[in-house]
């Protein structure tokens, strides 16, 4: 065992005994790396700080660290990764809720003319029916992208799918939707007619 690993093990024993100075030393040693990882995953400083706080609070409350499973640094970074991914999922749900609330507010404020609204509802109904015909995994990526406003990279992070899989599912889904919606115009049927 390396000297650093021995020192970490001794610090963890002190943390288990309630020694605040020991956890401060561990934080000084590994807190920056944990923050950098959380920040890279979350792309949000505040959320990354919250994740790091959760990691070190878990360490303080009884880590579950097993020295046979690797270095303290590896364990802390692993916990940070898991908590950051959990935070991405929670934040994604929160964003979806906020996005749908904002969309309702904007829709109410914009208020289309009645005939435009009828046409839009007809197109929306056809689109919903076409979406129901897609396999669930394709429908999921389309809904996240076009209704949730997420990028393909964000969808990969949220779903745990490889980016290539997200891209191919999106492309296949869009092709199927185009087939199902063939003939649905973006404009009303009476637009462009001269009377």
Protein backbone atom coordinates (compact mmCIF):
# COMPACT_ATOMS: atom_id res chain seq x y z
CA UNK A 1 0.00 0.00 0.00
CA UNK A 2 1.39 3.43 -0.93
CA UNK A 3 2.10 6.07 1.72
CA UNK A 4 -0.79 8.21 0.41
CA UNK A 5 -3.16 5.24 0.63
CA UNK A 6 -2.02 4.52 4.20
CA UNK A 7 -2.51 8.16 5.13
CA UNK A 8 -6.00 8.15 3.53
CA UNK A 9 -6.93 5.01 5.48
CA UNK A 10 -5.79 6.66 8.73
CA UNK A 11 -7.79 9.80 7.86
CA UNK A 12 -10.90 7.69 7.21
CA UNK A 13 -10.54 6.04 10.61
CA UNK A 14 -10.38 9.51 12.17
CA UNK A 15 -13.45 10.59 10.17
CA UNK A 16 -15.33 7.52 11.46
CA UNK A 17 -14.42 8.65 14.99
CA UNK A 18 -15.91 12.12 14.30
CA UNK A 19 -12.67 14.04 13.67
CA UNK A 20 -13.65 17.13 11.65
CA UNK A 21 -10.02 17.99 10.87
CA UNK A 22 -9.65 14.63 9.11
CA UNK A 23 -12.57 15.21 6.77
CA UNK A 24 -11.22 18.69 6.02
CA UNK A 25 -7.90 17.13 5.00
CA UNK A 26 -9.66 14.61 2.75
CA UNK A 27 -11.70 17.44 1.24
CA UNK A 28 -8.56 19.50 0.61
CA UNK A 29 -6.99 16.49 -1.06
CA UNK A 30 -9.91 15.34 -3.24
CA UNK A 31 -12.64 18.00 -3.19
CA UNK A 32 -11.27 19.82 -6.26
CA UNK A 33 -11.21 16.66 -8.38
CA UNK A 34 -14.75 15.76 -7.25
CA UNK A 35 -15.98 19.25 -8.09
CA UNK A 36 -14.32 19.18 -11.53
CA UNK A 37 -16.00 15.87 -12.34
CA UNK A 38 -19.42 17.00 -11.12
CA UNK A 39 -19.09 20.30 -13.00
CA UNK A 40 -18.18 18.46 -16.22
CA UNK A 41 -21.21 16.16 -15.91
CA UNK A 42 -23.71 18.80 -14.79
CA UNK A 43 -22.44 21.89 -16.61
CA UNK A 44 -23.73 23.91 -13.66
CA UNK A 45 -21.51 25.26 -10.87
CA UNK A 46 -24.22 25.39 -8.20
CA UNK A 47 -25.43 21.85 -8.87
CA UNK A 48 -21.81 20.61 -8.90
CA UNK A 49 -21.20 22.24 -5.50
CA UNK A 50 -24.35 20.57 -4.16
CA UNK A 51 -23.18 17.17 -5.41
CA UNK A 52 -19.75 17.55 -3.81
CA UNK A 53 -21.41 18.54 -0.55
CA UNK A 54 -23.57 15.39 -0.72
CA UNK A 55 -20.49 13.23 -1.38
CA UNK A 56 -18.57 14.54 1.62
CA UNK A 57 -21.68 14.43 3.80
CA UNK A 58 -22.04 10.75 2.89
CA UNK A 59 -18.39 10.26 3.83
CA UNK A 60 -18.98 12.01 7.16
CA UNK A 61 -22.12 9.97 7.91
CA UNK A 62 -20.42 6.65 7.29
CA UNK A 63 -18.89 6.07 3.95
CA UNK A 64 -19.19 2.40 3.25
CA UNK A 65 -15.70 2.69 1.79
CA UNK A 66 -13.90 -0.64 1.46
CA UNK A 67 -10.09 -0.33 1.01
CA UNK A 68 -10.04 -3.63 -0.90
CA UNK A 69 -12.05 -1.97 -3.70
CA UNK A 70 -9.48 0.69 -4.53
CA UNK A 71 -8.13 4.06 -3.50
CA UNK A 72 -10.14 6.64 -1.55
CA UNK A 73 -9.84 9.01 -4.52
CA UNK A 74 -11.36 6.44 -6.88
CA UNK A 75 -14.20 5.75 -4.46
CA UNK A 76 -14.94 9.47 -3.97
CA UNK A 77 -14.92 10.09 -7.74
CA UNK A 78 -17.21 7.11 -8.27
CA UNK A 79 -19.70 8.41 -5.68
CA UNK A 80 -19.44 11.87 -7.24
CA UNK A 81 -20.19 10.44 -10.67
CA UNK A 82 -23.27 8.55 -9.42
CA UNK A 83 -24.65 11.55 -7.52
CA UNK A 84 -24.02 13.87 -10.49
CA UNK A 85 -25.86 11.52 -12.86
CA UNK A 86 -28.74 11.32 -10.38
CA UNK A 87 -28.76 15.11 -10.29
CA UNK A 88 -28.88 15.27 -14.11
CA UNK A 89 -31.96 13.03 -14.05
CA UNK A 90 -33.67 15.11 -11.36
CA UNK A 91 -32.76 18.36 -13.13
CA UNK A 92 -34.08 16.93 -16.40
CA UNK A 93 -37.45 16.24 -14.80
CA UNK A 94 -37.51 19.71 -13.30
CA UNK A 95 -36.61 21.27 -16.66
CA UNK A 96 -39.39 19.35 -18.40
CA UNK A 97 -41.93 20.60 -15.86
CA UNK A 98 -40.71 24.18 -16.18
CA UNK A 99 -40.61 23.96 -19.97
CA UNK A 100 -44.21 22.75 -20.14
CA UNK A 101 -45.36 25.46 -17.71
CA UNK A 102 -43.53 28.10 -19.77
CA UNK A 103 -45.04 26.74 -23.00
CA UNK A 104 -48.54 27.04 -21.54
CA UNK A 105 -47.87 30.63 -20.47
CA UNK A 106 -46.52 31.54 -23.90
CA UNK A 107 -49.42 29.83 -25.64
CA UNK A 108 -51.94 31.72 -23.53
CA UNK A 109 -50.15 35.02 -24.19
CA UNK A 110 -49.83 34.51 -27.95
CA UNK A 111 -53.42 33.40 -28.52
CA UNK A 112 -53.77 32.45 -32.20
CA UNK A 113 -56.85 33.32 -34.24
CA UNK A 114 -59.64 30.71 -33.94
CA UNK A 115 -59.23 29.30 -37.47
CA UNK A 116 -55.44 29.06 -37.03
CA UNK A 117 -55.98 27.33 -33.72
CA UNK A 118 -58.36 24.77 -35.27
CA UNK A 119 -55.85 24.01 -38.02
CA UNK A 120 -53.01 23.72 -35.50
CA UNK A 121 -55.09 21.36 -33.37
CA UNK A 122 -55.83 19.18 -36.38
CA UNK A 123 -52.12 18.98 -37.23
CA UNK A 124 -51.27 18.31 -33.59
CA UNK A 125 -53.83 15.50 -33.42
CA UNK A 126 -52.39 13.88 -36.57
CA UNK A 127 -48.88 14.27 -35.15
CA UNK A 128 -49.91 12.66 -31.84
CA UNK A 129 -51.45 9.74 -33.70
CA UNK A 130 -48.29 9.33 -35.79
CA UNK A 131 -46.15 9.43 -32.63
CA UNK A 132 -48.24 6.62 -31.12
CA UNK A 133 -47.32 4.44 -34.11
CA UNK A 134 -43.59 4.72 -33.34
CA UNK A 135 -41.83 2.10 -31.21
CA UNK A 136 -41.47 3.32 -27.61
CA UNK A 137 -37.69 3.80 -27.81
CA UNK A 138 -37.99 6.00 -30.92
CA UNK A 139 -40.93 7.93 -29.50
CA UNK A 140 -38.92 8.67 -26.33
CA UNK A 141 -36.02 10.35 -28.17
CA UNK A 142 -38.35 12.37 -30.41
CA UNK A 143 -40.41 13.60 -27.46
CA UNK A 144 -37.29 14.57 -25.50
CA UNK A 145 -35.79 16.35 -28.50
CA UNK A 146 -38.78 18.14 -30.00
CA UNK A 147 -41.07 18.57 -27.03
CA UNK A 148 -38.51 18.60 -24.21
CA UNK A 149 -36.01 20.76 -26.08
CA UNK A 150 -33.02 18.54 -25.26
CA UNK A 151 -29.99 18.10 -27.48
CA UNK A 152 -29.02 14.60 -28.56
CA UNK A 153 -26.10 14.68 -26.12
CA UNK A 154 -28.44 15.63 -23.27
CA UNK A 155 -30.83 12.85 -24.30
CA UNK A 156 -27.94 10.37 -24.22
CA UNK A 157 -27.07 11.55 -20.71
CA UNK A 158 -30.69 11.45 -19.51
CA UNK A 159 -31.44 8.00 -20.91
CA UNK A 160 -28.04 6.40 -20.46
CA UNK A 161 -27.97 5.48 -24.16
CA UNK A 162 -24.88 5.89 -26.37
CA UNK A 163 -25.02 9.08 -28.45
CA UNK A 164 -24.93 7.07 -31.69
CA UNK A 165 -28.01 5.13 -30.60
CA UNK A 166 -29.87 8.37 -29.83
CA UNK A 167 -28.95 9.75 -33.27
CA UNK A 168 -29.99 6.63 -35.18
CA UNK A 169 -33.28 6.33 -33.26
CA UNK A 170 -34.06 9.99 -33.93
CA UNK A 171 -33.32 9.65 -37.65
CA UNK A 172 -35.38 6.47 -37.99
CA UNK A 173 -38.25 8.02 -36.04
CA UNK A 174 -38.25 11.16 -38.18
CA UNK A 175 -38.36 9.06 -41.36
CA UNK A 176 -41.32 7.06 -40.02
CA UNK A 177 -43.13 10.23 -38.96
CA UNK A 178 -42.61 11.72 -42.42
CA UNK A 179 -44.19 8.59 -43.93
CA UNK A 180 -47.13 8.67 -41.50
CA UNK A 181 -47.67 12.41 -41.94
CA UNK A 182 -47.24 12.53 -45.71
CA UNK A 183 -49.66 15.13 -46.97
CA UNK A 184 -50.01 17.10 -43.71
CA UNK A 185 -49.29 20.67 -44.67
CA UNK A 186 -47.75 23.30 -42.45
CA UNK A 187 -50.25 25.83 -43.82
CA UNK A 188 -54.02 25.78 -43.80
CA UNK A 189 -55.63 24.29 -46.93
CA UNK A 190 -57.33 27.61 -47.78
CA UNK A 191 -54.10 29.64 -47.66
CA UNK A 192 -52.81 30.66 -51.03
CA UNK A 193 -56.24 30.45 -52.72
CA UNK A 194 -57.42 33.60 -54.45
CA UNK A 195 -61.11 34.28 -54.24
